[in-house]
Amino acid sequence: MMDFSQKLTSPRAAKKFIFDLCKNDLAFHFDDDVKDTFGSQFSELQISQLETRLDEIFELLKDPYEYLVKYWQKFDTKK
């Protein structure tokens, strides 16, 4: 399980976080609600932390979706 508690403070950290989401089969469209997506998997604390990390990603990266698509395709096992 990923640790969502660490603040993202650089573009590199934000890209790695997205990479790790994909690697751990936790990728989802960032416009989707975190609670709706992971409510049955994660605790309220984890959901809150993930929401905070997403806010940081959007502050640190010009286009987070670019990295989401790139990494998601890399780990897509349904090809």
N, C-alpha and C. Protein backbone atom coordinates (compact mmCIF):
# COMPACT_ATOMS: atom_id res chain seq x y z
N MET A 1 0.85 -1.20 0.00
CA MET A 1 0.00 0.00 0.00
C MET A 1 0.88 1.24 0.00
N MET A 2 0.50 2.18 -0.78
CA MET A 2 1.24 3.44 -0.86
C MET A 2 1.00 4.28 0.39
N ASP A 3 1.99 5.09 0.69
CA ASP A 3 1.91 6.05 1.78
C ASP A 3 1.54 7.41 1.17
N PHE A 4 0.38 7.93 1.54
CA PHE A 4 -0.09 9.21 1.00
C PHE A 4 0.22 10.38 1.93
N SER A 5 0.96 10.14 3.00
CA SER A 5 1.14 11.17 4.02
C SER A 5 2.26 12.16 3.70
N GLN A 6 3.14 11.84 2.77
CA GLN A 6 4.29 12.70 2.48
C GLN A 6 3.93 13.84 1.52
N LYS A 7 4.16 15.05 1.95
CA LYS A 7 3.90 16.24 1.13
C LYS A 7 4.78 16.20 -0.12
N LEU A 8 4.20 16.57 -1.25
CA LEU A 8 4.95 16.66 -2.51
C LEU A 8 5.45 18.10 -2.66
N THR A 9 6.76 18.25 -2.79
CA THR A 9 7.34 19.58 -2.78
C THR A 9 8.09 19.94 -4.06
N SER A 10 8.12 19.03 -5.03
CA SER A 10 8.83 19.32 -6.28
C SER A 10 8.13 18.63 -7.43
N PRO A 11 8.34 19.14 -8.65
CA PRO A 11 7.77 18.45 -9.81
C PRO A 11 8.25 17.00 -9.90
N ARG A 12 9.49 16.76 -9.56
CA ARG A 12 10.01 15.38 -9.60
C ARG A 12 9.23 14.47 -8.65
N ALA A 13 8.97 14.95 -7.44
CA ALA A 13 8.21 14.17 -6.47
C ALA A 13 6.78 13.92 -6.95
N ALA A 14 6.18 14.92 -7.60
CA ALA A 14 4.83 14.78 -8.12
C ALA A 14 4.78 13.73 -9.23
N LYS A 15 5.76 13.77 -10.12
CA LYS A 15 5.83 12.77 -11.20
C LYS A 15 6.03 11.37 -10.62
N LYS A 16 6.88 11.26 -9.62
CA LYS A 16 7.11 9.95 -9.00
C LYS A 16 5.85 9.44 -8.31
N PHE A 17 5.10 10.34 -7.70
CA PHE A 17 3.85 9.94 -7.05
C PHE A 17 2.87 9.38 -8.08
N ILE A 18 2.75 10.05 -9.21
CA ILE A 18 1.87 9.57 -10.27
C ILE A 18 2.37 8.21 -10.78
N PHE A 19 3.68 8.10 -10.98
CA PHE A 19 4.28 6.84 -11.41
C PHE A 19 3.93 5.74 -10.42
N ASP A 20 4.08 6.02 -9.13
CA ASP A 20 3.80 5.02 -8.10
C ASP A 20 2.32 4.64 -8.05
N LEU A 21 1.43 5.59 -8.28
CA LEU A 21 0.00 5.25 -8.37
C LEU A 21 -0.22 4.22 -9.46
N CYS A 22 0.36 4.47 -10.62
CA CYS A 22 0.19 3.56 -11.75
C CYS A 22 0.84 2.21 -11.47
N LYS A 23 2.03 2.24 -10.94
CA LYS A 23 2.77 1.02 -10.63
C LYS A 23 2.01 0.13 -9.64
N ASN A 24 1.32 0.75 -8.69
CA ASN A 24 0.58 0.03 -7.66
C ASN A 24 -0.88 -0.21 -8.04
N ASP A 25 -1.19 -0.04 -9.33
CA ASP A 25 -2.55 -0.26 -9.84
C ASP A 25 -3.59 0.59 -9.11
N LEU A 26 -3.21 1.84 -8.83
CA LEU A 26 -4.10 2.78 -8.16
C LEU A 26 -4.41 4.00 -9.04
N ALA A 27 -4.05 3.91 -10.31
CA ALA A 27 -4.28 5.04 -11.22
C ALA A 27 -5.78 5.25 -11.41
N PHE A 28 -6.16 6.49 -11.48
CA PHE A 28 -7.55 6.86 -11.73
C PHE A 28 -7.54 8.24 -12.36
N HIS A 29 -8.63 8.60 -13.01
CA HIS A 29 -8.70 9.93 -13.61
C HIS A 29 -8.79 10.95 -12.50
N PHE A 30 -7.90 11.93 -12.52
CA PHE A 30 -7.79 12.89 -11.43
C PHE A 30 -9.01 13.79 -11.27
N ASP A 31 -9.91 13.80 -12.25
CA ASP A 31 -11.14 14.56 -12.10
C ASP A 31 -12.20 13.78 -11.32
N ASP A 32 -11.98 12.47 -11.17
CA ASP A 32 -12.93 11.64 -10.43
C ASP A 32 -12.77 11.88 -8.92
N ASP A 33 -13.85 11.70 -8.21
CA ASP A 33 -13.83 11.90 -6.77
C ASP A 33 -13.06 10.76 -6.09
N VAL A 34 -12.10 11.12 -5.24
CA VAL A 34 -11.26 10.13 -4.58
C VAL A 34 -12.11 9.20 -3.71
N LYS A 35 -13.05 9.75 -2.99
CA LYS A 35 -13.88 8.94 -2.10
C LYS A 35 -14.74 7.97 -2.89
N ASP A 36 -15.29 8.43 -4.02
CA ASP A 36 -16.09 7.54 -4.86
C ASP A 36 -15.23 6.42 -5.45
N THR A 37 -14.00 6.75 -5.77
CA THR A 37 -13.11 5.78 -6.40
C THR A 37 -12.55 4.78 -5.41
N PHE A 38 -12.15 5.25 -4.23
CA PHE A 38 -11.43 4.40 -3.29
C PHE A 38 -12.11 4.25 -1.92
N GLY A 39 -13.34 4.69 -1.81
CA GLY A 39 -14.03 4.67 -0.52
C GLY A 39 -14.07 3.32 0.16
N SER A 40 -14.13 2.25 -0.62
CA SER A 40 -14.19 0.92 -0.02
C SER A 40 -12.80 0.35 0.25
N GLN A 41 -11.76 0.97 -0.30
CA GLN A 41 -10.39 0.47 -0.14
C GLN A 41 -9.59 1.23 0.92
N PHE A 42 -9.85 2.53 1.03
CA PHE A 42 -9.02 3.39 1.86
C PHE A 42 -9.80 3.93 3.05
N SER A 43 -9.06 4.25 4.10
CA SER A 43 -9.66 4.90 5.26
C SER A 43 -9.95 6.37 4.93
N GLU A 44 -10.71 7.01 5.79
CA GLU A 44 -10.99 8.44 5.62
C GLU A 44 -9.69 9.25 5.61
N LEU A 45 -8.75 8.88 6.46
CA LEU A 45 -7.46 9.57 6.52
C LEU A 45 -6.72 9.42 5.19
N GLN A 46 -6.66 8.22 4.67
CA GLN A 46 -5.97 7.99 3.39
C GLN A 46 -6.63 8.78 2.25
N ILE A 47 -7.94 8.82 2.24
CA ILE A 47 -8.67 9.57 1.21
C ILE A 47 -8.32 11.05 1.32
N SER A 48 -8.33 11.58 2.53
CA SER A 48 -8.00 12.98 2.74
C SER A 48 -6.55 13.28 2.30
N GLN A 49 -5.64 12.38 2.65
CA GLN A 49 -4.24 12.58 2.26
C GLN A 49 -4.07 12.51 0.75
N LEU A 50 -4.75 11.59 0.10
CA LEU A 50 -4.66 11.49 -1.36
C LEU A 50 -5.23 12.73 -2.03
N GLU A 51 -6.32 13.25 -1.52
CA GLU A 51 -6.89 14.49 -2.06
C GLU A 51 -5.89 15.64 -1.94
N THR A 52 -5.21 15.70 -0.82
CA THR A 52 -4.19 16.74 -0.61
C THR A 52 -3.04 16.56 -1.60
N ARG A 53 -2.59 15.31 -1.80
CA ARG A 53 -1.50 15.05 -2.76
C ARG A 53 -1.93 15.46 -4.17
N LEU A 54 -3.17 15.23 -4.53
CA LEU A 54 -3.65 15.63 -5.86
C LEU A 54 -3.61 17.15 -6.01
N ASP A 55 -4.01 17.87 -4.98
CA ASP A 55 -3.92 19.33 -5.01
C ASP A 55 -2.48 19.76 -5.25
N GLU A 56 -1.55 19.11 -4.57
CA GLU A 56 -0.13 19.45 -4.73
C GLU A 56 0.36 19.13 -6.13
N ILE A 57 -0.08 18.00 -6.68
CA ILE A 57 0.31 17.63 -8.05
C ILE A 57 -0.09 18.73 -9.02
N PHE A 58 -1.31 19.24 -8.88
CA PHE A 58 -1.79 20.27 -9.79
C PHE A 58 -1.08 21.61 -9.58
N GLU A 59 -0.56 21.83 -8.40
CA GLU A 59 0.23 23.04 -8.16
C GLU A 59 1.64 22.92 -8.73
N LEU A 60 2.18 21.71 -8.73
CA LEU A 60 3.58 21.49 -9.12
C LEU A 60 3.78 21.21 -10.60
N LEU A 61 2.77 20.64 -11.25
CA LEU A 61 2.92 20.24 -12.65
C LEU A 61 1.97 21.03 -13.55
N LYS A 62 2.47 21.42 -14.69
CA LYS A 62 1.65 22.16 -15.64
C LYS A 62 0.51 21.29 -16.16
N ASP A 63 0.83 20.01 -16.48
CA ASP A 63 -0.17 19.10 -17.01
C ASP A 63 0.00 17.71 -16.40
N PRO A 64 -0.56 17.48 -15.21
CA PRO A 64 -0.43 16.17 -14.57
C PRO A 64 -0.98 15.02 -15.40
N TYR A 65 -1.98 15.32 -16.22
CA TYR A 65 -2.60 14.27 -17.04
C TYR A 65 -1.59 13.68 -18.03
N GLU A 66 -0.65 14.49 -18.49
CA GLU A 66 0.39 14.00 -19.39
C GLU A 66 1.13 12.82 -18.76
N TYR A 67 1.49 12.97 -17.51
CA TYR A 67 2.24 11.92 -16.81
C TYR A 67 1.33 10.75 -16.44
N LEU A 68 0.10 11.05 -16.08
CA LEU A 68 -0.85 9.99 -15.77
C LEU A 68 -1.03 9.06 -16.96
N VAL A 69 -1.25 9.63 -18.14
CA VAL A 69 -1.44 8.82 -19.34
C VAL A 69 -0.16 8.06 -19.68
N LYS A 70 0.96 8.73 -19.63
CA LYS A 70 2.25 8.10 -19.95
C LYS A 70 2.52 6.89 -19.06
N TYR A 71 2.38 7.08 -17.75
CA TYR A 71 2.70 6.00 -16.82
C TYR A 71 1.60 4.93 -16.80
N TRP A 72 0.36 5.35 -16.95
CA TRP A 72 -0.75 4.40 -16.94
C TRP A 72 -0.58 3.42 -18.10
N GLN A 73 -0.22 3.94 -19.25
CA GLN A 73 0.00 3.08 -20.43
C GLN A 73 1.16 2.11 -20.19
N LYS A 74 2.17 2.56 -19.49
CA LYS A 74 3.33 1.72 -19.21
C LYS A 74 2.94 0.49 -18.38
N PHE A 75 2.01 0.67 -17.45
CA PHE A 75 1.64 -0.41 -16.55
C PHE A 75 0.31 -1.07 -16.90
N ASP A 76 -0.28 -0.67 -18.02
CA ASP A 76 -1.57 -1.24 -18.42
C ASP A 76 -1.37 -2.71 -18.81
N THR A 77 -1.94 -3.59 -18.03
CA THR A 77 -1.80 -5.02 -18.29
C THR A 77 -2.89 -5.55 -19.20
N LYS A 78 -3.82 -4.71 -19.59
CA LYS A 78 -4.95 -5.14 -20.43
C LYS A 78 -4.68 -4.91 -21.91
N LYS A 79 -3.44 -4.67 -22.28
CA LYS A 79 -3.09 -4.40 -23.68
C LYS A 79 -3.30 -5.64 -24.52
